[in-house]
C-alpha cells in the first residue's frame, strides 16, 4: 500500500537543478501554486520488518535457555538414555521427527554411548501457523525396519501430544517391540492427548516449557529461526494476523 502526501510547491527549484531563463515558477509569476505529490512507503507488518533487518534473532522477545544451558541438559539426557539402551540385546532405532528435532537429535546421539541406528520421519501438524491443527499426518516415512526393535522417538517439543500419539501408533503397526519418547521440550499445559508408551518404553525430556510460542535450536516459525543456538520466546506481533489492511 502507498500513502500519497500533497505538499504545496515552494517555487524554489531543487538543489543542482537547472531552470531555463524566463521559465519562472508559478509562485514567482503570481500564478496558482502547484501541488507536489510524494509517495511514502506504507508501514510493513512486524514480521516483514524484522526479517528485512537481516538479524537471525529479529523478533525474539527473550531467551529461555542459552546455548550453554542446552548443551548441559542434552548431555544429562543422553547419559540417562545411553544407560538404558546399553541394557538392550539389540541396537535401538532412534527416530528423529523432522524438521524440528534435527539439532537435538544430532547433539543427543553423539553423546549416547550405545549402539544404535538413526532414521527420520516427517509428521506435520503446524504448517506456517502457531497452533497445532490436531490432525497430524505422516508425509515422509522411515527407511529402517523397526520390526521387533526398541524405538526411541526424538521430538523437538511435545505439547498437545497429538503428533507423538500418531507416531507411536504408526510405529506399533510397523512391529516395534517397545517405544520410548525423548523430547527436547515438554509443554504439559497444552496436553490434550494422553499418549501411551509401548512395552518397556520410557519418557525422557530436556526442559519443561512454559506456554509460550518458542523458536530456535531447530524449532521454527514459518521455517525461520531454526539456526538460533538458543531457545527464545517469539514476539506475538511476529505471528499475529495483520488486520490493518
C-alpha atoms as a PDB file:
ATOM      1  CA  UNK A   1       0.000   0.000   0.000  1.00  0.00           C
ATOM      2  CA  UNK A   2       1.326   3.514  -0.836  1.00  0.00           C
ATOM      3  CA  UNK A   3       0.437   6.715   1.046  1.00  0.00           C
ATOM      4  CA  UNK A   4       0.109   9.878  -1.044  1.00  0.00           C
ATOM      5  CA  UNK A   5       1.051  13.197   0.579  1.00  0.00           C
ATOM      6  CA  UNK A   6       0.225  16.515  -1.128  1.00  0.00           C
ATOM      7  CA  UNK A   7       2.576  19.443  -0.458  1.00  0.00           C
ATOM      8  CA  UNK A   8       2.455  22.983  -1.894  1.00  0.00           C
ATOM      9  CA  UNK A   9       5.285  23.868  -4.278  1.00  0.00           C
ATOM     10  CA  UNK A  10       7.581  26.452  -2.697  1.00  0.00           C
ATOM     11  CA  UNK A  11       8.698  27.656  -6.079  1.00  0.00           C
ATOM     12  CA  UNK A  12      12.322  27.077  -5.179  1.00  0.00           C
ATOM     13  CA  UNK A  13      13.993  24.679  -7.602  1.00  0.00           C
ATOM     14  CA  UNK A  14      15.716  21.638  -6.163  1.00  0.00           C
ATOM     15  CA  UNK A  15      19.437  21.795  -5.468  1.00  0.00           C
ATOM     16  CA  UNK A  16      21.599  21.111  -8.542  1.00  0.00           C
ATOM     17  CA  UNK A  17      18.584  21.602 -10.864  1.00  0.00           C
ATOM     18  CA  UNK A  18      18.635  23.916 -13.902  1.00  0.00           C
ATOM     19  CA  UNK A  19      15.753  26.210 -14.858  1.00  0.00           C
ATOM     20  CA  UNK A  20      15.869  27.769 -18.334  1.00  0.00           C
ATOM     21  CA  UNK A  21      15.830  31.629 -18.420  1.00  0.00           C
ATOM     22  CA  UNK A  22      12.369  33.109 -18.461  1.00  0.00           C
ATOM     23  CA  UNK A  23      10.759  29.962 -17.141  1.00  0.00           C
ATOM     24  CA  UNK A  24       9.899  31.159 -13.657  1.00  0.00           C
ATOM     25  CA  UNK A  25       7.898  29.019 -11.316  1.00  0.00           C
ATOM     26  CA  UNK A  26       4.179  29.530 -10.971  1.00  0.00           C
ATOM     27  CA  UNK A  27       4.524  31.035  -7.495  1.00  0.00           C
ATOM     28  CA  UNK A  28       7.097  33.604  -8.659  1.00  0.00           C
ATOM     29  CA  UNK A  29       4.917  34.548 -11.632  1.00  0.00           C
ATOM     30  CA  UNK A  30       1.957  35.072  -9.362  1.00  0.00           C
ATOM     31  CA  UNK A  31       0.073  32.084 -10.819  1.00  0.00           C
ATOM     32  CA  UNK A  32      -1.636  29.322  -8.947  1.00  0.00           C
ATOM     33  CA  UNK A  33       0.861  27.279  -6.875  1.00  0.00           C
ATOM     34  CA  UNK A  34       1.416  23.747  -7.997  1.00  0.00           C
ATOM     35  CA  UNK A  35       0.949  20.729  -5.781  1.00  0.00           C
ATOM     36  CA  UNK A  36       3.660  18.104  -5.391  1.00  0.00           C
ATOM     37  CA  UNK A  37       2.562  14.555  -4.638  1.00  0.00           C
ATOM     38  CA  UNK A  38       5.020  12.397  -2.723  1.00  0.00           C
ATOM     39  CA  UNK A  39       4.638   8.629  -2.432  1.00  0.00           C
ATOM     40  CA  UNK A  40       5.541   7.362   1.023  1.00  0.00           C
ATOM     41  CA  UNK A  41       6.016   3.635   1.710  1.00  0.00           C
ATOM     42  CA  UNK A  42       3.286   2.036   3.789  1.00  0.00           C
ATOM     43  CA  UNK A  43       4.146   0.536   7.130  1.00  0.00           C
ATOM     44  CA  UNK A  44       5.101  -3.140   6.875  1.00  0.00           C
ATOM     45  CA  UNK A  45       3.948  -5.933   9.150  1.00  0.00           C
ATOM     46  CA  UNK A  46       6.259  -6.622  12.093  1.00  0.00           C
ATOM     47  CA  UNK A  47       7.418  -9.931  10.623  1.00  0.00           C
ATOM     48  CA  UNK A  48       8.496  -8.395   7.310  1.00  0.00           C
ATOM     49  CA  UNK A  49      10.232  -5.502   9.068  1.00  0.00           C
ATOM     50  CA  UNK A  50      12.150  -7.825  11.392  1.00  0.00           C
ATOM     51  CA  UNK A  51      13.198 -10.171   8.593  1.00  0.00           C
ATOM     52  CA  UNK A  52      14.384  -7.240   6.488  1.00  0.00           C
ATOM     53  CA  UNK A  53      16.806  -6.299   9.260  1.00  0.00           C
ATOM     54  CA  UNK A  54      18.925  -9.329   8.377  1.00  0.00           C
ATOM     55  CA  UNK A  55      19.414 -10.367  12.005  1.00  0.00           C
ATOM     56  CA  UNK A  56      18.585 -14.050  12.612  1.00  0.00           C
ATOM     57  CA  UNK A  57      17.264 -13.211  16.088  1.00  0.00           C
ATOM     58  CA  UNK A  58      14.974 -10.382  14.995  1.00  0.00           C
ATOM     59  CA  UNK A  59      11.604 -10.757  16.673  1.00  0.00           C
ATOM     60  CA  UNK A  60      12.833 -12.600  19.770  1.00  0.00           C
ATOM     61  CA  UNK A  61      11.297 -11.269  22.964  1.00  0.00           C
ATOM     62  CA  UNK A  62      13.627 -13.037  25.393  1.00  0.00           C
ATOM     63  CA  UNK A  63      15.848 -16.080  25.756  1.00  0.00           C
ATOM     64  CA  UNK A  64      14.523 -19.022  27.769  1.00  0.00           C
ATOM     65  CA  UNK A  65      17.561 -21.328  27.586  1.00  0.00           C
ATOM     66  CA  UNK A  66      21.035 -20.363  26.470  1.00  0.00           C
ATOM     67  CA  UNK A  67      23.338 -22.431  24.295  1.00  0.00           C
ATOM     68  CA  UNK A  68      25.372 -23.470  27.356  1.00  0.00           C
ATOM     69  CA  UNK A  69      22.270 -24.499  29.325  1.00  0.00           C
ATOM     70  CA  UNK A  70      21.011 -26.553  26.383  1.00  0.00           C
ATOM     71  CA  UNK A  71      24.345 -28.353  25.961  1.00  0.00           C
ATOM     72  CA  UNK A  72      24.481 -29.248  29.646  1.00  0.00           C
ATOM     73  CA  UNK A  73      20.927 -30.582  29.726  1.00  0.00           C
ATOM     74  CA  UNK A  74      21.314 -32.575  26.497  1.00  0.00           C
ATOM     75  CA  UNK A  75      24.391 -34.257  27.970  1.00  0.00           C
ATOM     76  CA  UNK A  76      22.364 -35.285  31.036  1.00  0.00           C
ATOM     77  CA  UNK A  77      19.516 -36.709  28.945  1.00  0.00           C
ATOM     78  CA  UNK A  78      21.995 -38.546  26.700  1.00  0.00           C
ATOM     79  CA  UNK A  79      23.651 -40.154  29.716  1.00  0.00           C
ATOM     80  CA  UNK A  80      20.293 -41.419  31.007  1.00  0.00           C
ATOM     81  CA  UNK A  81      19.224 -42.656  27.583  1.00  0.00           C
ATOM     82  CA  UNK A  82      22.576 -44.323  26.926  1.00  0.00           C
ATOM     83  CA  UNK A  83      22.454 -46.230  30.201  1.00  0.00           C
ATOM     84  CA  UNK A  84      19.019 -47.620  29.262  1.00  0.00           C
ATOM     85  CA  UNK A  85      20.000 -48.517  25.680  1.00  0.00           C
ATOM     86  CA  UNK A  86      23.112 -50.401  26.784  1.00  0.00           C
ATOM     87  CA  UNK A  87      20.859 -52.876  28.567  1.00  0.00           C
ATOM     88  CA  UNK A  88      19.162 -53.898  25.315  1.00  0.00           C
ATOM     89  CA  UNK A  89      20.121 -57.082  23.494  1.00  0.00           C
ATOM     90  CA  UNK A  90      19.918 -55.394  20.076  1.00  0.00           C
ATOM     91  CA  UNK A  91      20.685 -51.829  18.931  1.00  0.00           C
ATOM     92  CA  UNK A  92      17.771 -49.426  19.269  1.00  0.00           C
ATOM     93  CA  UNK A  93      16.426 -47.344  16.392  1.00  0.00           C
ATOM     94  CA  UNK A  94      16.396 -43.615  17.125  1.00  0.00           C
ATOM     95  CA  UNK A  95      13.766 -41.866  15.012  1.00  0.00           C
ATOM     96  CA  UNK A  96      14.021 -38.107  14.674  1.00  0.00           C
ATOM     97  CA  UNK A  97      10.882 -36.159  13.841  1.00  0.00           C
ATOM     98  CA  UNK A  98      11.762 -33.762  11.030  1.00  0.00           C
ATOM     99  CA  UNK A  99      12.425 -30.997  10.846  1.00  0.00           C
ATOM    100  CA  UNK A 100      12.322 -29.513  14.315  1.00  0.00           C
ATOM    101  CA  UNK A 101      14.275 -32.240  16.122  1.00  0.00           C
ATOM    102  CA  UNK A 102      17.307 -32.300  13.832  1.00  0.00           C
ATOM    103  CA  UNK A 103      19.651 -30.313  16.108  1.00  0.00           C
ATOM    104  CA  UNK A 104      18.530 -32.042  19.281  1.00  0.00           C
ATOM    105  CA  UNK A 105      18.862 -35.449  17.614  1.00  0.00           C
ATOM    106  CA  UNK A 106      22.387 -34.720  16.346  1.00  0.00           C
ATOM    107  CA  UNK A 107      23.593 -33.468  19.723  1.00  0.00           C
ATOM    108  CA  UNK A 108      21.849 -36.300  21.565  1.00  0.00           C
ATOM    109  CA  UNK A 109      23.091 -39.321  19.611  1.00  0.00           C
ATOM    110  CA  UNK A 110      26.682 -38.062  19.603  1.00  0.00           C
ATOM    111  CA  UNK A 111      26.602 -38.281  23.385  1.00  0.00           C
ATOM    112  CA  UNK A 112      24.879 -41.674  23.637  1.00  0.00           C
ATOM    113  CA  UNK A 113      27.441 -44.382  24.356  1.00  0.00           C
ATOM    114  CA  UNK A 114      25.458 -47.296  22.934  1.00  0.00           C
ATOM    115  CA  UNK A 115      24.980 -48.931  19.523  1.00  0.00           C
ATOM    116  CA  UNK A 116      22.001 -47.527  17.627  1.00  0.00           C
ATOM    117  CA  UNK A 117      20.526 -46.848  14.194  1.00  0.00           C
ATOM    118  CA  UNK A 118      19.147 -43.466  13.156  1.00  0.00           C
ATOM    119  CA  UNK A 119      16.305 -42.587  10.820  1.00  0.00           C
ATOM    120  CA  UNK A 120      13.849 -39.749  10.259  1.00  0.00           C
ATOM    121  CA  UNK A 121      10.118 -39.443   9.873  1.00  0.00           C
ATOM    122  CA  UNK A 122       8.208 -36.324   8.921  1.00  0.00           C
ATOM    123  CA  UNK A 123       4.888 -35.607  10.617  1.00  0.00           C
ATOM    124  CA  UNK A 124       3.197 -32.270  10.048  1.00  0.00           C
ATOM    125  CA  UNK A 125       0.574 -30.576  12.159  1.00  0.00           C
ATOM    126  CA  UNK A 126       1.577 -26.886  12.300  1.00  0.00           C
ATOM    127  CA  UNK A 127       2.282 -25.698   8.753  1.00  0.00           C
ATOM    128  CA  UNK A 128       3.141 -21.977   8.948  1.00  0.00           C
ATOM    129  CA  UNK A 129       0.965 -21.318  11.997  1.00  0.00           C
ATOM    130  CA  UNK A 130       1.464 -21.346  15.749  1.00  0.00           C
ATOM    131  CA  UNK A 131      -1.350 -23.702  16.703  1.00  0.00           C
ATOM    132  CA  UNK A 132      -1.345 -27.443  16.100  1.00  0.00           C
ATOM    133  CA  UNK A 133      -4.101 -28.492  13.719  1.00  0.00           C
ATOM    134  CA  UNK A 134      -4.763 -31.539  15.900  1.00  0.00           C
ATOM    135  CA  UNK A 135      -4.692 -33.694  12.755  1.00  0.00           C
ATOM    136  CA  UNK A 136      -1.045 -34.717  12.230  1.00  0.00           C
ATOM    137  CA  UNK A 137      -0.169 -36.633   9.121  1.00  0.00           C
ATOM    138  CA  UNK A 138       2.969 -38.532   8.179  1.00  0.00           C
ATOM    139  CA  UNK A 139       4.414 -37.087   4.977  1.00  0.00           C
ATOM    140  CA  UNK A 140       7.738 -38.965   4.889  1.00  0.00           C
ATOM    141  CA  UNK A 141       8.182 -42.438   6.316  1.00  0.00           C
ATOM    142  CA  UNK A 142      11.084 -44.474   7.708  1.00  0.00           C
ATOM    143  CA  UNK A 143      13.574 -46.461   5.664  1.00  0.00           C
ATOM    144  CA  UNK A 144      14.865 -48.571   8.566  1.00  0.00           C
ATOM    145  CA  UNK A 145      12.917 -51.683   9.525  1.00  0.00           C
ATOM    146  CA  UNK A 146      11.767 -51.329  13.141  1.00  0.00           C
ATOM    147  CA  UNK A 147      10.010 -54.684  13.483  1.00  0.00           C
ATOM    148  CA  UNK A 148      10.960 -56.355  16.767  1.00  0.00           C
ATOM    149  CA  UNK A 149      13.162 -53.436  17.838  1.00  0.00           C
ATOM    150  CA  UNK A 150      13.137 -50.816  20.530  1.00  0.00           C
ATOM    151  CA  UNK A 151      12.407 -47.386  19.023  1.00  0.00           C
ATOM    152  CA  UNK A 152      13.175 -44.002  20.560  1.00  0.00           C
ATOM    153  CA  UNK A 153      11.118 -41.192  19.043  1.00  0.00           C
ATOM    154  CA  UNK A 154      13.063 -37.923  19.298  1.00  0.00           C
ATOM    155  CA  UNK A 155      10.887 -34.794  19.246  1.00  0.00           C
ATOM    156  CA  UNK A 156      11.679 -31.095  19.476  1.00  0.00           C
ATOM    157  CA  UNK A 157       8.577 -30.385  21.571  1.00  0.00           C
ATOM    158  CA  UNK A 158       5.596 -32.352  22.869  1.00  0.00           C
ATOM    159  CA  UNK A 159       2.623 -30.110  23.563  1.00  0.00           C
ATOM    160  CA  UNK A 160      -0.850 -31.394  22.686  1.00  0.00           C
ATOM    161  CA  UNK A 161       0.517 -34.927  22.320  1.00  0.00           C
ATOM    162  CA  UNK A 162      -1.350 -35.481  19.047  1.00  0.00           C
ATOM    163  CA  UNK A 163       1.738 -35.890  16.876  1.00  0.00           C
ATOM    164  CA  UNK A 164       3.552 -38.246  19.221  1.00  0.00           C
ATOM    165  CA  UNK A 165       0.365 -40.318  19.633  1.00  0.00           C
ATOM    166  CA  UNK A 166       0.130 -40.612  15.860  1.00  0.00           C
ATOM    167  CA  UNK A 167       3.785 -41.664  15.616  1.00  0.00           C
ATOM    168  CA  UNK A 168       3.536 -44.256  18.369  1.00  0.00           C
ATOM    169  CA  UNK A 169       0.536 -45.846  16.657  1.00  0.00           C
ATOM    170  CA  UNK A 170       2.367 -45.784  13.327  1.00  0.00           C
ATOM    171  CA  UNK A 171       5.500 -47.427  14.738  1.00  0.00           C
ATOM    172  CA  UNK A 172       3.473 -50.006  16.616  1.00  0.00           C
ATOM    173  CA  UNK A 173       1.833 -51.013  13.336  1.00  0.00           C
ATOM    174  CA  UNK A 174       5.309 -51.459  11.882  1.00  0.00           C
ATOM    175  CA  UNK A 175       6.062 -54.003  14.610  1.00  0.00           C
ATOM    176  CA  UNK A 176       8.226 -52.054  17.082  1.00  0.00           C
ATOM    177  CA  UNK A 177       8.558 -54.149  20.245  1.00  0.00           C
ATOM    178  CA  UNK A 178       8.816 -51.132  22.546  1.00  0.00           C
ATOM    179  CA  UNK A 179       8.662 -47.375  22.016  1.00  0.00           C
ATOM    180  CA  UNK A 180      10.193 -44.568  24.078  1.00  0.00           C
ATOM    181  CA  UNK A 181       9.806 -40.827  23.558  1.00  0.00           C
ATOM    182  CA  UNK A 182      12.656 -38.378  24.085  1.00  0.00           C
ATOM    183  CA  UNK A 183      11.618 -34.755  23.687  1.00  0.00           C
ATOM    184  CA  UNK A 184      13.761 -31.663  23.998  1.00  0.00           C
ATOM    185  CA  UNK A 185      10.857 -29.613  25.367  1.00  0.00           C
ATOM    186  CA  UNK A 186       7.728 -30.782  27.135  1.00  0.00           C
ATOM    187  CA  UNK A 187       4.725 -28.457  27.338  1.00  0.00           C
ATOM    188  CA  UNK A 188       2.206 -30.291  29.562  1.00  0.00           C
ATOM    189  CA  UNK A 189      -0.016 -27.206  29.863  1.00  0.00           C
ATOM    190  CA  UNK A 190      -1.083 -27.818  26.258  1.00  0.00           C
ATOM    191  CA  UNK A 191      -1.637 -31.575  26.550  1.00  0.00           C
ATOM    192  CA  UNK A 192      -4.912 -32.809  25.093  1.00  0.00           C
ATOM    193  CA  UNK A 193      -3.956 -36.373  24.073  1.00  0.00           C
ATOM    194  CA  UNK A 194      -2.730 -38.889  26.657  1.00  0.00           C
ATOM    195  CA  UNK A 195      -0.313 -40.997  24.642  1.00  0.00           C
ATOM    196  CA  UNK A 196       0.704 -44.459  25.809  1.00  0.00           C
ATOM    197  CA  UNK A 197       4.261 -45.764  25.500  1.00  0.00           C
ATOM    198  CA  UNK A 198       4.758 -49.316  24.242  1.00  0.00           C
ATOM    199  CA  UNK A 199       6.408 -52.209  26.082  1.00  0.00           C
ATOM    200  CA  UNK A 200       9.339 -51.050  28.194  1.00  0.00           C
ATOM    201  CA  UNK A 201       9.167 -47.583  26.698  1.00  0.00           C
ATOM    202  CA  UNK A 202      10.223 -44.582  28.765  1.00  0.00           C
ATOM    203  CA  UNK A 203       9.602 -40.826  28.555  1.00  0.00           C
ATOM    204  CA  UNK A 204      12.657 -38.542  28.552  1.00  0.00           C
ATOM    205  CA  UNK A 205      12.556 -34.763  28.423  1.00  0.00           C
ATOM    206  CA  UNK A 206      15.047 -31.926  28.406  1.00  0.00           C
ATOM    207  CA  UNK A 207      13.088 -28.981  29.798  1.00  0.00           C
ATOM    208  CA  UNK A 208       9.508 -28.293  30.804  1.00  0.00           C
ATOM    209  CA  UNK A 209       8.421 -25.402  28.630  1.00  0.00           C
ATOM    210  CA  UNK A 210       6.027 -22.659  29.736  1.00  0.00           C
ATOM    211  CA  UNK A 211       3.072 -21.942  27.461  1.00  0.00           C
ATOM    212  CA  UNK A 212       4.821 -19.603  25.014  1.00  0.00           C
ATOM    213  CA  UNK A 213       5.490 -19.932  21.304  1.00  0.00           C
ATOM    214  CA  UNK A 214       9.209 -20.714  21.238  1.00  0.00           C
ATOM    215  CA  UNK A 215      11.750 -20.923  18.439  1.00  0.00           C
ATOM    216  CA  UNK A 216      15.416 -21.724  17.992  1.00  0.00           C
ATOM    217  CA  UNK A 217      17.574 -24.841  18.323  1.00  0.00           C
ATOM    218  CA  UNK A 218      15.766 -26.453  15.393  1.00  0.00           C
ATOM    219  CA  UNK A 219      12.300 -25.056  16.119  1.00  0.00           C
ATOM    220  CA  UNK A 220      10.805 -22.600  13.681  1.00  0.00           C
ATOM    221  CA  UNK A 221       8.109 -20.163  12.776  1.00  0.00           C
ATOM    222  CA  UNK A 222       7.363 -20.271   9.018  1.00  0.00           C
ATOM    223  CA  UNK A 223      10.687 -22.135   8.551  1.00  0.00           C
ATOM    224  CA  UNK A 224      12.736 -19.336  10.157  1.00  0.00           C
ATOM    225  CA  UNK A 225      14.745 -19.237  13.418  1.00  0.00           C
ATOM    226  CA  UNK A 226      15.839 -22.904  13.307  1.00  0.00           C
ATOM    227  CA  UNK A 227      19.512 -21.886  13.289  1.00  0.00           C
ATOM    228  CA  UNK A 228      19.418 -19.974  16.575  1.00  0.00           C
ATOM    229  CA  UNK A 229      21.702 -21.692  19.122  1.00  0.00           C
ATOM    230  CA  UNK A 230      19.326 -20.892  21.991  1.00  0.00           C
ATOM    231  CA  UNK A 231      15.578 -21.164  22.658  1.00  0.00           C
ATOM    232  CA  UNK A 232      13.688 -17.895  22.722  1.00  0.00           C
ATOM    233  CA  UNK A 233      10.134 -16.604  23.004  1.00  0.00           C
ATOM    234  CA  UNK A 234       8.816 -15.169  19.747  1.00  0.00           C
ATOM    235  CA  UNK A 235       7.192 -11.747  19.974  1.00  0.00           C
ATOM    236  CA  UNK A 236       3.445 -12.023  19.488  1.00  0.00           C
ATOM    237  CA  UNK A 237       3.409  -9.357  16.781  1.00  0.00           C
ATOM    238  CA  UNK A 238       5.604 -11.627  14.648  1.00  0.00           C
ATOM    239  CA  UNK A 239       2.829 -14.152  14.143  1.00  0.00           C
ATOM    240  CA  UNK A 240      -0.465 -12.431  14.873  1.00  0.00           C
ATOM    241  CA  UNK A 241      -2.544 -11.654  11.779  1.00  0.00           C
ATOM    242  CA  UNK A 242      -2.255  -8.129  10.414  1.00  0.00           C
ATOM    243  CA  UNK A 243      -5.779  -6.708  10.141  1.00  0.00           C
ATOM    244  CA  UNK A 244      -4.762  -3.129   9.289  1.00  0.00           C
ATOM    245  CA  UNK A 245      -5.371  -3.554   5.535  1.00  0.00           C
END
